[in-house]
N, C-alpha and C. Protein backbone atom coordinates (compact mmCIF):
# COMPACT_ATOMS: atom_id res chain seq x y z
N MET A 1 -61.34 73.63 -238.53
CA MET A 1 -60.80 73.61 -237.19
C MET A 1 -61.84 74.15 -236.22
N ASN A 2 -62.03 73.48 -235.14
CA ASN A 2 -63.01 73.89 -234.14
C ASN A 2 -62.33 74.82 -233.14
N LYS A 3 -62.61 76.11 -233.23
CA LYS A 3 -62.02 77.09 -232.32
C LYS A 3 -62.95 77.30 -231.14
N THR A 4 -62.36 77.44 -229.98
CA THR A 4 -63.15 77.73 -228.80
C THR A 4 -62.84 79.14 -228.34
N ALA A 5 -63.80 79.74 -227.68
CA ALA A 5 -63.63 81.12 -227.22
C ALA A 5 -63.77 81.16 -225.71
N ALA A 6 -62.91 81.92 -225.10
CA ALA A 6 -63.06 82.19 -223.68
C ALA A 6 -63.94 83.41 -223.58
N PHE A 7 -65.15 83.23 -223.12
CA PHE A 7 -66.12 84.30 -223.11
C PHE A 7 -66.54 84.56 -221.69
N LYS A 8 -66.42 85.77 -221.24
CA LYS A 8 -66.78 86.11 -219.87
C LYS A 8 -68.14 86.78 -219.84
N PHE A 9 -68.97 86.31 -218.93
CA PHE A 9 -70.28 86.91 -218.73
C PHE A 9 -70.22 87.71 -217.44
N PRO A 10 -71.01 88.76 -217.34
CA PRO A 10 -70.96 89.57 -216.12
C PRO A 10 -71.32 88.75 -214.89
N ARG A 11 -70.63 89.06 -213.79
CA ARG A 11 -70.94 88.38 -212.53
C ARG A 11 -72.04 89.14 -211.82
N PHE A 12 -72.91 88.43 -211.19
CA PHE A 12 -73.99 89.03 -210.44
C PHE A 12 -73.79 88.70 -208.97
N ALA A 13 -74.35 89.52 -208.11
CA ALA A 13 -74.24 89.28 -206.67
C ALA A 13 -74.86 87.93 -206.34
N THR A 14 -74.21 87.18 -205.48
CA THR A 14 -74.73 85.88 -205.08
C THR A 14 -75.34 85.99 -203.70
N SER A 15 -76.24 85.10 -203.42
CA SER A 15 -76.87 85.10 -202.10
C SER A 15 -75.88 84.58 -201.06
N SER A 16 -76.22 84.78 -199.80
CA SER A 16 -75.33 84.37 -198.73
C SER A 16 -75.34 82.86 -198.50
N ARG A 17 -76.33 82.17 -199.01
CA ARG A 17 -76.36 80.73 -198.81
C ARG A 17 -75.34 80.03 -199.70
N LYS A 18 -74.85 78.91 -199.23
CA LYS A 18 -73.85 78.16 -199.98
C LYS A 18 -74.55 77.34 -201.05
N ARG A 19 -74.14 77.52 -202.30
CA ARG A 19 -74.78 76.82 -203.40
C ARG A 19 -73.82 75.93 -204.15
N ALA A 20 -72.60 76.38 -204.36
CA ALA A 20 -71.67 75.68 -205.23
C ALA A 20 -71.14 74.42 -204.58
N LEU A 21 -71.54 73.30 -205.10
CA LEU A 21 -71.01 72.03 -204.65
C LEU A 21 -69.93 71.55 -205.60
N LYS A 22 -70.03 71.93 -206.87
CA LYS A 22 -69.06 71.53 -207.87
C LYS A 22 -68.96 72.61 -208.92
N ARG A 23 -67.75 72.99 -209.25
CA ARG A 23 -67.52 74.01 -210.27
C ARG A 23 -67.21 73.31 -211.58
N ILE A 24 -67.84 73.78 -212.65
CA ILE A 24 -67.65 73.20 -213.98
C ILE A 24 -67.17 74.29 -214.93
N THR A 25 -66.16 73.97 -215.71
CA THR A 25 -65.69 74.87 -216.76
C THR A 25 -66.27 74.37 -218.08
N LEU A 26 -66.86 75.27 -218.82
CA LEU A 26 -67.52 74.90 -220.07
C LEU A 26 -66.81 75.58 -221.23
N ASN A 27 -66.32 74.80 -222.18
CA ASN A 27 -65.68 75.35 -223.37
C ASN A 27 -66.72 75.46 -224.47
N LEU A 28 -66.92 76.67 -224.97
CA LEU A 28 -67.89 76.92 -226.03
C LEU A 28 -67.17 77.44 -227.26
N THR A 29 -67.72 77.13 -228.42
CA THR A 29 -67.21 77.76 -229.63
C THR A 29 -67.64 79.22 -229.59
N LEU A 30 -67.03 80.02 -230.41
CA LEU A 30 -67.40 81.44 -230.47
C LEU A 30 -68.88 81.58 -230.82
N HIS A 31 -69.36 80.78 -231.75
CA HIS A 31 -70.77 80.84 -232.15
C HIS A 31 -71.69 80.46 -230.99
N GLU A 32 -71.33 79.42 -230.25
CA GLU A 32 -72.14 79.00 -229.10
C GLU A 32 -72.17 80.08 -228.02
N ALA A 33 -71.03 80.68 -227.75
CA ALA A 33 -70.95 81.74 -226.75
C ALA A 33 -71.78 82.95 -227.16
N GLN A 34 -71.72 83.30 -228.43
CA GLN A 34 -72.50 84.43 -228.93
C GLN A 34 -73.99 84.14 -228.84
N ASN A 35 -74.39 82.91 -229.16
CA ASN A 35 -75.81 82.53 -229.06
C ASN A 35 -76.29 82.61 -227.61
N LEU A 36 -75.47 82.13 -226.68
CA LEU A 36 -75.84 82.19 -225.28
C LEU A 36 -75.95 83.63 -224.80
N GLU A 37 -74.97 84.45 -225.17
CA GLU A 37 -75.01 85.87 -224.75
C GLU A 37 -76.24 86.57 -225.33
N LYS A 38 -76.55 86.32 -226.58
CA LYS A 38 -77.71 86.94 -227.23
C LYS A 38 -79.00 86.51 -226.51
N TYR A 39 -79.10 85.22 -226.20
CA TYR A 39 -80.28 84.72 -225.50
C TYR A 39 -80.42 85.38 -224.13
N CYS A 40 -79.30 85.52 -223.42
CA CYS A 40 -79.32 86.15 -222.10
C CYS A 40 -79.75 87.60 -222.19
N GLU A 41 -79.27 88.30 -223.19
CA GLU A 41 -79.66 89.70 -223.38
C GLU A 41 -81.15 89.81 -223.68
N GLN A 42 -81.66 88.90 -224.51
CA GLN A 42 -83.08 88.94 -224.90
C GLN A 42 -84.00 88.61 -223.73
N THR A 43 -83.57 87.71 -222.87
CA THR A 43 -84.43 87.26 -221.77
C THR A 43 -84.14 87.98 -220.46
N GLY A 44 -83.01 88.69 -220.38
CA GLY A 44 -82.64 89.36 -219.15
C GLY A 44 -82.19 88.41 -218.07
N ARG A 45 -81.78 87.21 -218.45
CA ARG A 45 -81.34 86.20 -217.49
C ARG A 45 -79.83 86.01 -217.61
N SER A 46 -79.22 85.56 -216.54
CA SER A 46 -77.77 85.31 -216.56
C SER A 46 -77.49 83.97 -217.23
N ALA A 47 -76.28 83.83 -217.73
CA ALA A 47 -75.87 82.58 -218.38
C ALA A 47 -75.94 81.42 -217.40
N ILE A 48 -75.52 81.64 -216.17
CA ILE A 48 -75.54 80.55 -215.19
C ILE A 48 -76.97 80.10 -214.91
N ASP A 49 -77.92 81.02 -214.87
CA ASP A 49 -79.32 80.63 -214.66
C ASP A 49 -79.85 79.82 -215.84
N VAL A 50 -79.51 80.23 -217.04
CA VAL A 50 -79.96 79.51 -218.24
C VAL A 50 -79.39 78.10 -218.25
N ILE A 51 -78.08 77.98 -218.01
CA ILE A 51 -77.43 76.67 -218.03
C ILE A 51 -77.95 75.79 -216.90
N ARG A 52 -78.11 76.36 -215.70
CA ARG A 52 -78.62 75.59 -214.56
C ARG A 52 -80.02 75.04 -214.86
N GLU A 53 -80.89 75.86 -215.43
CA GLU A 53 -82.25 75.40 -215.73
C GLU A 53 -82.25 74.32 -216.80
N LEU A 54 -81.37 74.42 -217.77
CA LEU A 54 -81.26 73.37 -218.79
C LEU A 54 -80.82 72.05 -218.17
N ILE A 55 -79.86 72.12 -217.27
CA ILE A 55 -79.39 70.90 -216.58
C ILE A 55 -80.51 70.32 -215.72
N GLN A 56 -81.24 71.16 -215.01
CA GLN A 56 -82.33 70.68 -214.16
C GLN A 56 -83.45 70.04 -214.97
N ALA A 57 -83.60 70.43 -216.23
CA ALA A 57 -84.65 69.88 -217.08
C ALA A 57 -84.28 68.52 -217.69
N LEU A 58 -83.03 68.10 -217.51
CA LEU A 58 -82.63 66.80 -218.04
C LEU A 58 -83.36 65.68 -217.32
N PRO A 59 -83.69 64.61 -218.07
CA PRO A 59 -84.38 63.49 -217.41
C PRO A 59 -83.47 62.74 -216.44
């Protein structure tokens, strides 16, 4: 059975400029969420920055 986890990442202060054009909800498995959190801790980057950069790197 594929279980998904609701995993909350800390919120960081946002700039005053308007950025959000579309909000996306992402369902991750517990393993995926843990991998993302571990990567963020190792790199000191937020989950949203990591995900945004991955999307921007798509062809």
